[in-house]
N, C-alpha and C. Protein backbone atom coordinates (compact mmCIF):
# COMPACT_ATOMS: atom_id res chain seq x y z
N MET A 1 71.05 42.55 -71.13
CA MET A 1 70.63 41.26 -70.61
C MET A 1 71.72 40.65 -69.74
N ALA A 2 72.97 40.91 -70.05
CA ALA A 2 74.07 40.35 -69.26
C ALA A 2 73.99 40.83 -67.82
N ASP A 3 73.59 42.08 -67.60
CA ASP A 3 73.49 42.61 -66.25
C ASP A 3 72.43 41.84 -65.45
N LEU A 4 71.32 41.55 -66.08
CA LEU A 4 70.25 40.80 -65.42
C LEU A 4 70.72 39.40 -65.03
N LYS A 5 71.40 38.73 -65.94
CA LYS A 5 71.95 37.40 -65.63
C LYS A 5 72.91 37.48 -64.46
N LYS A 6 73.74 38.52 -64.42
CA LYS A 6 74.72 38.69 -63.35
C LYS A 6 74.04 38.94 -62.00
N ILE A 7 73.01 39.77 -62.01
CA ILE A 7 72.28 40.08 -60.78
C ILE A 7 71.64 38.82 -60.20
N VAL A 8 70.97 38.05 -61.06
CA VAL A 8 70.33 36.81 -60.61
C VAL A 8 71.38 35.82 -60.13
N GLY A 9 72.47 35.69 -60.87
CA GLY A 9 73.53 34.78 -60.48
C GLY A 9 74.15 35.14 -59.14
N ASP A 10 74.41 36.43 -58.95
CA ASP A 10 74.96 36.89 -57.67
C ASP A 10 74.00 36.60 -56.52
N ARG A 11 72.73 36.79 -56.78
CA ARG A 11 71.70 36.55 -55.74
C ARG A 11 71.67 35.07 -55.37
N ILE A 12 71.72 34.20 -56.36
CA ILE A 12 71.72 32.76 -56.10
C ILE A 12 72.96 32.37 -55.31
N ARG A 13 74.11 32.88 -55.72
CA ARG A 13 75.36 32.58 -55.00
C ARG A 13 75.27 33.03 -53.54
N LYS A 14 74.75 34.24 -53.31
CA LYS A 14 74.63 34.77 -51.95
C LYS A 14 73.72 33.87 -51.11
N LEU A 15 72.58 33.51 -51.63
CA LEU A 15 71.65 32.66 -50.89
C LEU A 15 72.25 31.27 -50.63
N ARG A 16 72.93 30.74 -51.63
CA ARG A 16 73.57 29.42 -51.49
C ARG A 16 74.60 29.45 -50.37
N LYS A 17 75.42 30.49 -50.35
CA LYS A 17 76.45 30.60 -49.33
C LYS A 17 75.85 30.82 -47.95
N GLU A 18 74.77 31.60 -47.89
CA GLU A 18 74.08 31.80 -46.61
C GLU A 18 73.58 30.48 -46.03
N LYS A 19 73.20 29.57 -46.93
CA LYS A 19 72.70 28.26 -46.50
C LYS A 19 73.84 27.27 -46.24
N GLY A 20 75.08 27.70 -46.51
CA GLY A 20 76.23 26.85 -46.28
C GLY A 20 76.36 25.70 -47.27
N LEU A 21 75.88 25.93 -48.49
CA LEU A 21 75.91 24.89 -49.52
C LEU A 21 77.02 25.16 -50.54
N SER A 22 77.62 24.10 -51.03
CA SER A 22 78.55 24.22 -52.16
C SER A 22 77.72 24.21 -53.44
N GLN A 23 78.36 24.55 -54.55
CA GLN A 23 77.66 24.47 -55.83
C GLN A 23 77.22 23.04 -56.11
N GLU A 24 78.06 22.09 -55.75
CA GLU A 24 77.73 20.68 -55.98
C GLU A 24 76.52 20.25 -55.16
N GLU A 25 76.46 20.72 -53.91
CA GLU A 25 75.32 20.37 -53.06
C GLU A 25 74.03 20.99 -53.59
N LEU A 26 74.11 22.24 -54.03
CA LEU A 26 72.94 22.89 -54.60
C LEU A 26 72.52 22.18 -55.89
N ALA A 27 73.49 21.82 -56.70
CA ALA A 27 73.19 21.11 -57.94
C ALA A 27 72.46 19.79 -57.64
N TYR A 28 72.96 19.05 -56.69
CA TYR A 28 72.34 17.77 -56.33
C TYR A 28 70.91 17.99 -55.81
N ALA A 29 70.75 18.97 -54.92
CA ALA A 29 69.43 19.23 -54.32
C ALA A 29 68.42 19.73 -55.35
N SER A 30 68.91 20.37 -56.39
CA SER A 30 68.01 20.93 -57.41
C SER A 30 67.92 20.06 -58.67
N SER A 31 68.62 18.93 -58.65
CA SER A 31 68.64 18.02 -59.81
C SER A 31 69.18 18.71 -61.07
N LEU A 32 70.15 19.58 -60.88
CA LEU A 32 70.80 20.27 -61.99
C LEU A 32 72.29 19.93 -61.94
N HIS A 33 73.00 20.21 -63.00
CA HIS A 33 74.44 19.92 -63.05
C HIS A 33 75.21 21.06 -62.36
N SER A 34 76.26 20.73 -61.65
CA SER A 34 77.04 21.73 -60.93
C SER A 34 77.68 22.75 -61.88
N THR A 35 78.05 22.32 -63.07
CA THR A 35 78.60 23.25 -64.07
C THR A 35 77.56 24.29 -64.46
N TYR A 36 76.31 23.85 -64.59
CA TYR A 36 75.21 24.74 -64.93
C TYR A 36 74.99 25.76 -63.81
N ILE A 37 75.02 25.30 -62.56
CA ILE A 37 74.87 26.20 -61.41
C ILE A 37 75.99 27.25 -61.44
N GLY A 38 77.22 26.81 -61.67
CA GLY A 38 78.35 27.73 -61.73
C GLY A 38 78.19 28.77 -62.82
N ARG A 39 77.73 28.34 -63.98
CA ARG A 39 77.56 29.28 -65.10
C ARG A 39 76.44 30.29 -64.80
N ILE A 40 75.39 29.84 -64.12
CA ILE A 40 74.31 30.76 -63.73
C ILE A 40 74.85 31.78 -62.73
N GLU A 41 75.57 31.29 -61.72
CA GLU A 41 76.09 32.19 -60.69
C GLU A 41 77.07 33.22 -61.25
N ARG A 42 77.82 32.86 -62.27
CA ARG A 42 78.75 33.80 -62.88
C ARG A 42 78.09 34.71 -63.92
N GLY A 43 76.81 34.51 -64.16
CA GLY A 43 76.09 35.33 -65.12
C GLY A 43 76.38 34.96 -66.56
N GLU A 44 76.89 33.76 -66.76
CA GLU A 44 77.24 33.30 -68.11
C GLU A 44 76.07 32.60 -68.80
N LYS A 45 75.11 32.17 -68.04
CA LYS A 45 74.02 31.35 -68.57
C LYS A 45 72.68 31.91 -68.11
N ASN A 46 71.72 31.96 -69.03
CA ASN A 46 70.35 32.30 -68.70
C ASN A 46 69.69 31.10 -68.05
N ALA A 47 69.17 31.25 -66.86
CA ALA A 47 68.45 30.15 -66.20
C ALA A 47 67.00 30.15 -66.68
N SER A 48 66.50 28.98 -67.00
CA SER A 48 65.08 28.88 -67.37
C SER A 48 64.23 29.05 -66.12
N LEU A 49 62.96 29.33 -66.30
CA LEU A 49 62.06 29.44 -65.15
C LEU A 49 62.00 28.12 -64.39
N GLU A 50 62.03 27.03 -65.11
CA GLU A 50 62.02 25.71 -64.47
C GLU A 50 63.26 25.53 -63.60
N SER A 51 64.41 25.93 -64.11
CA SER A 51 65.65 25.82 -63.33
C SER A 51 65.61 26.74 -62.11
N LEU A 52 65.11 27.96 -62.29
CA LEU A 52 65.00 28.88 -61.15
C LEU A 52 64.09 28.30 -60.08
N GLU A 53 63.01 27.66 -60.50
CA GLU A 53 62.10 27.04 -59.54
C GLU A 53 62.80 25.90 -58.78
N LYS A 54 63.56 25.09 -59.50
CA LYS A 54 64.30 24.00 -58.86
C LYS A 54 65.32 24.54 -57.86
N ILE A 55 66.02 25.60 -58.25
CA ILE A 55 67.03 26.21 -57.37
C ILE A 55 66.36 26.81 -56.14
N ALA A 56 65.26 27.53 -56.36
CA ALA A 56 64.53 28.13 -55.24
C ALA A 56 64.06 27.06 -54.26
N ASN A 57 63.52 25.98 -54.78
CA ASN A 57 63.06 24.89 -53.90
C ASN A 57 64.23 24.27 -53.14
N ALA A 58 65.36 24.08 -53.81
CA ALA A 58 66.53 23.50 -53.16
C ALA A 58 67.07 24.42 -52.06
N LEU A 59 66.93 25.73 -52.26
CA LEU A 59 67.37 26.70 -51.27
C LEU A 59 66.30 26.98 -50.22
N ASN A 60 65.12 26.40 -50.42
CA ASN A 60 63.97 26.65 -49.54
C ASN A 60 63.66 28.14 -49.46
N GLU A 61 63.64 28.76 -50.64
CA GLU A 61 63.37 30.19 -50.77
C GLU A 61 62.28 30.39 -51.81
N PRO A 62 61.46 31.42 -51.65
CA PRO A 62 60.52 31.75 -52.72
C PRO A 62 61.30 32.17 -53.96
N ILE A 63 60.80 31.84 -55.11
CA ILE A 63 61.49 32.18 -56.36
C ILE A 63 61.70 33.70 -56.47
N GLU A 64 60.83 34.47 -55.85
CA GLU A 64 60.96 35.93 -55.89
C GLU A 64 62.30 36.38 -55.31
N ASN A 65 62.82 35.62 -54.34
CA ASN A 65 64.09 35.99 -53.72
C ASN A 65 65.27 35.82 -54.67
N LEU A 66 65.12 34.98 -55.67
CA LEU A 66 66.21 34.78 -56.62
C LEU A 66 66.30 35.92 -57.62
N VAL A 67 65.20 36.56 -57.87
CA VAL A 67 65.16 37.61 -58.89
C VAL A 67 64.87 38.97 -58.28
N SER A 68 65.16 39.11 -56.98
CA SER A 68 64.94 40.36 -56.27
C SER A 68 65.98 41.39 -56.70
N PHE A 69 65.53 42.61 -56.93
CA PHE A 69 66.43 43.67 -57.37
C PHE A 69 66.51 44.81 -56.38
N THR A 70 66.10 44.56 -55.15
CA THR A 70 66.17 45.59 -54.13
C THR A 70 67.18 45.19 -53.08
N ASP A 71 67.56 46.14 -52.27
CA ASP A 71 68.51 45.90 -51.19
C ASP A 71 67.91 44.95 -50.17
N ASP A 72 68.72 44.02 -49.63
CA ASP A 72 68.24 43.04 -48.66
C ASP A 72 67.56 43.68 -47.47
N SER A 73 68.06 44.80 -46.99
CA SER A 73 67.44 45.44 -45.83
C SER A 73 66.02 45.88 -46.13
N LYS A 74 65.77 46.28 -47.37
CA LYS A 74 64.42 46.68 -47.77
C LYS A 74 63.53 45.46 -47.91
N ILE A 75 64.07 44.36 -48.42
CA ILE A 75 63.28 43.14 -48.59
C ILE A 75 62.75 42.67 -47.25
N GLN A 76 63.59 42.70 -46.22
CA GLN A 76 63.19 42.21 -44.91
C GLN A 76 61.99 42.98 -44.38
N GLN A 77 61.87 44.24 -44.74
CA GLN A 77 60.79 45.07 -44.22
C GLN A 77 59.57 45.07 -45.13
N ASP A 78 59.68 44.50 -46.27
CA ASP A 78 58.62 44.54 -47.26
C ASP A 78 57.52 43.54 -46.94
N ASP A 79 56.29 44.01 -46.89
CA ASP A 79 55.15 43.12 -46.62
C ASP A 79 55.04 42.01 -47.66
N PHE A 80 55.34 42.33 -48.90
CA PHE A 80 55.28 41.32 -49.95
C PHE A 80 56.25 40.18 -49.67
N TYR A 81 57.43 40.53 -49.18
CA TYR A 81 58.42 39.51 -48.85
C TYR A 81 57.87 38.57 -47.78
N ILE A 82 57.29 39.13 -46.75
CA ILE A 82 56.73 38.31 -45.67
C ILE A 82 55.63 37.41 -46.21
N LEU A 83 54.75 37.97 -47.02
CA LEU A 83 53.66 37.18 -47.59
C LEU A 83 54.17 36.08 -48.51
N SER A 84 55.18 36.38 -49.30
CA SER A 84 55.70 35.36 -50.22
C SER A 84 56.39 34.24 -49.45
N ARG A 85 57.08 34.57 -48.36
CA ARG A 85 57.70 33.53 -47.51
C ARG A 85 56.62 32.64 -46.90
N PHE A 86 55.57 33.28 -46.39
CA PHE A 86 54.47 32.52 -45.79
C PHE A 86 53.82 31.62 -46.84
N HIS A 87 53.59 32.17 -48.01
CA HIS A 87 53.00 31.39 -49.10
C HIS A 87 53.88 30.20 -49.44
N HIS A 88 55.17 30.40 -49.53
CA HIS A 88 56.11 29.32 -49.85
C HIS A 88 56.05 28.22 -48.79
N LEU A 89 55.99 28.62 -47.54
CA LEU A 89 55.91 27.64 -46.45
C LEU A 89 54.60 26.85 -46.51
N LEU A 90 53.51 27.54 -46.83
CA LEU A 90 52.21 26.87 -46.90
C LEU A 90 52.14 25.87 -48.05
N LEU A 91 52.86 26.14 -49.13
CA LEU A 91 52.81 25.25 -50.29
C LEU A 91 53.28 23.83 -49.95
N SER A 92 54.12 23.71 -48.94
CA SER A 92 54.65 22.39 -48.58
C SER A 92 53.70 21.62 -47.67
N LYS A 93 52.59 22.23 -47.30
CA LYS A 93 51.63 21.60 -46.38
C LYS A 93 50.42 21.08 -47.15
N SER A 94 49.75 20.12 -46.54
CA SER A 94 48.52 19.59 -47.15
C SER A 94 47.40 20.63 -47.01
N GLU A 95 46.33 20.43 -47.74
CA GLU A 95 45.21 21.37 -47.67
C GLU A 95 44.65 21.42 -46.26
N ASN A 96 44.55 20.28 -45.61
CA ASN A 96 44.04 20.21 -44.25
C ASN A 96 44.95 21.01 -43.30
N GLU A 97 46.27 20.83 -43.45
CA GLU A 97 47.22 21.57 -42.60
C GLU A 97 47.14 23.07 -42.86
N ARG A 98 47.01 23.44 -44.14
CA ARG A 98 46.90 24.87 -44.48
C ARG A 98 45.66 25.48 -43.83
N ASN A 99 44.54 24.77 -43.88
CA ASN A 99 43.31 25.28 -43.28
C ASN A 99 43.46 25.45 -41.77
N LYS A 100 44.15 24.51 -41.12
CA LYS A 100 44.39 24.63 -39.68
C LYS A 100 45.27 25.84 -39.37
N ILE A 101 46.31 26.03 -40.17
CA ILE A 101 47.21 27.17 -39.96
C ILE A 101 46.46 28.48 -40.13
N ILE A 102 45.63 28.57 -41.15
CA ILE A 102 44.85 29.79 -41.40
C ILE A 102 43.89 30.05 -40.24
N LYS A 103 43.27 28.99 -39.74
CA LYS A 103 42.35 29.15 -38.60
C LYS A 103 43.11 29.66 -37.38
N ILE A 104 44.28 29.10 -37.12
CA ILE A 104 45.10 29.55 -35.98
C ILE A 104 45.46 31.02 -36.14
N LEU A 105 45.88 31.40 -37.35
CA LEU A 105 46.22 32.82 -37.58
C LEU A 105 45.02 33.73 -37.37
N ASN A 106 43.86 33.30 -37.85
CA ASN A 106 42.64 34.08 -37.64
C ASN A 106 42.34 34.22 -36.16
N ASP A 107 42.51 33.14 -35.40
CA ASP A 107 42.28 33.18 -33.96
C ASP A 107 43.25 34.15 -33.28
N ILE A 108 44.51 34.14 -33.69
CA ILE A 108 45.50 35.05 -33.14
C ILE A 108 45.12 36.51 -33.44
N LEU A 109 44.73 36.75 -34.69
CA LEU A 109 44.35 38.12 -35.07
C LEU A 109 43.12 38.60 -34.29
N GLU A 110 42.17 37.71 -34.07
CA GLU A 110 40.99 38.07 -33.26
C GLU A 110 41.40 38.40 -31.84
N TRP A 111 42.30 37.59 -31.29
CA TRP A 111 42.78 37.79 -29.93
C TRP A 111 43.51 39.13 -29.80
N LEU A 112 44.25 39.51 -30.85
CA LEU A 112 44.97 40.79 -30.82
C LEU A 112 44.04 41.99 -30.86
N ARG A 113 42.88 41.82 -31.41
CA ARG A 113 41.91 42.93 -31.47
C ARG A 113 41.37 43.18 -30.11
């Protein structure tokens, strides 16, 4: 179990640094304590699903990216990754906006045919 905690913690640290955030900034954005974030990143603490969701939202990443166990180069090419990113982006939109986006995508796909 320690290996799993370490993998998730390393992934969170990597994403946080990519976003240019300090542990304190991530803690504030996720409504968690900075000590807790540090312990998760070092693999010392098991993060609850609720905490992972808060961290993912603060990083503007799908939760799947926090618990990914594949190489980043493979993730970028993975259709599931693309779909999960799109899904995450749609979740922040209203139902009306989502319907408009889907219609636009359908129109684009028709045009490509």
